[in-house]
């Protein structure tokens, strides 16, 4: 997969979940078996706002050439998704999330592996393309 493709997919995921968390957080979380209550709606919307920040980063950085700045972006997104994966797995194991929580874990894992791949490839190395 190309770097640009991964960044576009990440931007789309952030757009979908960001809108959902800003507009109807209680309904979104109820799908995953979580009752936010009045105290949980605010941090969910805050997270939706953060997702829009990540959306902007991934969209506008999708064509950034190989550079220290690009490596920093990839590292930040790798850490973000790896931590998201771990937190989601813990929440699922503790019964906080229902079985659909695995979907969230898989999404985080996909991006962790994707950004991890770009951290491990050497600059200038040819990227494999699915096409």
Protein backbone atom coordinates (compact mmCIF):
# COMPACT_ATOMS: atom_id res chain seq x y z
CA UNK A 1 0.00 0.00 0.00
CA UNK A 2 1.22 3.49 -0.76
CA UNK A 3 1.68 6.10 1.95
CA UNK A 4 -0.85 8.40 0.31
CA UNK A 5 -3.48 5.64 0.22
CA UNK A 6 -3.02 4.86 3.91
CA UNK A 7 -3.32 8.54 4.81
CA UNK A 8 -6.53 8.92 2.75
CA UNK A 9 -8.08 5.85 4.41
CA UNK A 10 -7.12 7.25 7.83
CA UNK A 11 -8.67 10.61 6.91
CA UNK A 12 -11.94 8.94 5.87
CA UNK A 13 -12.13 6.92 9.10
CA UNK A 14 -11.46 10.07 11.13
CA UNK A 15 -14.15 11.94 9.18
CA UNK A 16 -16.80 9.26 9.77
CA UNK A 17 -16.06 8.71 13.46
CA UNK A 18 -15.34 12.40 14.08
CA UNK A 19 -18.74 13.48 12.77
CA UNK A 20 -20.47 10.70 14.70
CA UNK A 21 -18.74 11.66 17.96
CA UNK A 22 -19.48 15.35 17.53
CA UNK A 23 -23.10 15.04 16.41
CA UNK A 24 -24.48 11.94 18.14
CA UNK A 25 -21.91 10.51 20.59
CA UNK A 26 -24.43 8.71 22.82
CA UNK A 27 -25.94 6.87 19.85
CA UNK A 28 -22.52 5.92 18.49
CA UNK A 29 -21.27 4.55 21.79
CA UNK A 30 -24.53 2.69 22.43
CA UNK A 31 -23.80 0.64 19.30
CA UNK A 32 -20.70 -0.60 21.14
CA UNK A 33 -22.65 -1.25 24.35
CA UNK A 34 -21.47 1.86 26.20
CA UNK A 35 -23.80 4.25 28.05
CA UNK A 36 -22.07 7.62 28.12
CA UNK A 37 -24.48 9.41 30.40
CA UNK A 38 -24.31 13.17 30.66
CA UNK A 39 -20.71 13.16 31.90
CA UNK A 40 -19.46 11.07 28.99
CA UNK A 41 -20.86 13.14 26.15
CA UNK A 42 -18.40 16.00 26.64
CA UNK A 43 -15.20 13.89 26.41
CA UNK A 44 -16.68 11.97 23.48
CA UNK A 45 -17.22 15.26 21.65
CA UNK A 46 -13.72 16.38 22.64
CA UNK A 47 -12.39 13.19 21.06
CA UNK A 48 -14.49 13.89 17.97
CA UNK A 49 -12.77 17.27 17.76
CA UNK A 50 -9.38 15.56 18.06
CA UNK A 51 -10.34 13.22 15.24
CA UNK A 52 -10.95 16.25 13.03
CA UNK A 53 -7.42 17.41 13.85
CA UNK A 54 -6.07 14.02 12.80
CA UNK A 55 -8.27 14.19 9.70
CA UNK A 56 -6.66 17.50 8.73
CA UNK A 57 -3.17 16.17 9.42
CA UNK A 58 -3.65 13.00 7.38
CA UNK A 59 -5.38 14.75 4.50
CA UNK A 60 -2.93 17.63 4.12
CA UNK A 61 0.16 15.47 4.77
CA UNK A 62 -0.83 12.67 2.39
CA UNK A 63 1.57 13.88 -0.32
CA UNK A 64 4.46 14.91 1.93
CA UNK A 65 7.73 13.61 0.46
CA UNK A 66 10.08 11.47 2.52
CA UNK A 67 11.65 13.72 5.13
CA UNK A 68 12.18 13.99 8.88
CA UNK A 69 8.78 15.73 9.10
CA UNK A 70 7.06 12.81 7.36
CA UNK A 71 8.80 10.35 9.68
CA UNK A 72 7.59 12.36 12.69
CA UNK A 73 4.02 12.30 11.36
CA UNK A 74 4.19 8.55 10.79
CA UNK A 75 5.65 7.96 14.26
CA UNK A 76 2.95 10.07 15.92
CA UNK A 77 0.17 8.24 14.08
CA UNK A 78 1.77 4.87 14.82
CA UNK A 79 1.89 5.62 18.56
CA UNK A 80 -1.66 7.00 18.51
CA UNK A 81 -3.07 3.91 16.82
CA UNK A 82 -0.98 1.45 18.85
CA UNK A 83 -2.20 3.01 22.11
CA UNK A 84 -5.76 3.08 20.76
CA UNK A 85 -5.47 -0.62 19.97
CA UNK A 86 -4.22 -1.49 23.47
CA UNK A 87 -6.87 0.64 25.20
CA UNK A 88 -9.61 -0.90 23.05
CA UNK A 89 -8.42 -4.45 23.74
CA UNK A 90 -8.41 -3.72 27.48
CA UNK A 91 -11.91 -2.22 27.29
CA UNK A 92 -13.14 -5.25 25.37
CA UNK A 93 -11.48 -7.68 27.82
CA UNK A 94 -13.05 -5.87 30.78
CA UNK A 95 -16.50 -5.99 29.19
CA UNK A 96 -16.76 -2.24 28.64
CA UNK A 97 -17.36 -2.80 24.92
CA UNK A 98 -19.62 -5.41 23.38
CA UNK A 99 -18.47 -7.71 20.56
CA UNK A 100 -18.48 -4.81 18.09
CA UNK A 101 -15.54 -3.43 20.05
CA UNK A 102 -13.42 -5.89 18.08
CA UNK A 103 -14.19 -3.82 14.97
CA UNK A 104 -12.63 -0.77 16.60
CA UNK A 105 -9.62 -2.86 17.65
CA UNK A 106 -9.18 -4.14 14.09
CA UNK A 107 -9.29 -0.58 12.72
CA UNK A 108 -6.61 0.52 15.18
CA UNK A 109 -4.53 -2.58 14.39
CA UNK A 110 -4.79 -1.94 10.64
CA UNK A 111 -3.38 1.56 11.05
CA UNK A 112 -0.76 0.45 13.59
CA UNK A 113 0.55 -2.13 11.13
CA UNK A 114 0.31 0.31 8.22
CA UNK A 115 2.21 3.12 9.91
CA UNK A 116 4.61 0.61 11.45
CA UNK A 117 5.42 -0.62 7.95
CA UNK A 118 6.33 2.91 6.86
CA UNK A 119 8.48 3.36 9.96
CA UNK A 120 10.42 0.20 9.12
CA UNK A 121 10.95 0.82 5.40
CA UNK A 122 14.09 2.67 4.48
CA UNK A 123 13.76 6.06 2.79
CA UNK A 124 14.03 5.69 -0.96
CA UNK A 125 13.05 2.01 -0.89
CA UNK A 126 10.44 1.19 -3.51
CA UNK A 127 6.92 0.84 -2.10
CA UNK A 128 4.90 -2.20 -3.02
CA UNK A 129 1.67 -1.44 -4.79
CA UNK A 130 -1.43 -3.64 -4.77
CA UNK A 131 -2.24 -2.57 -8.33
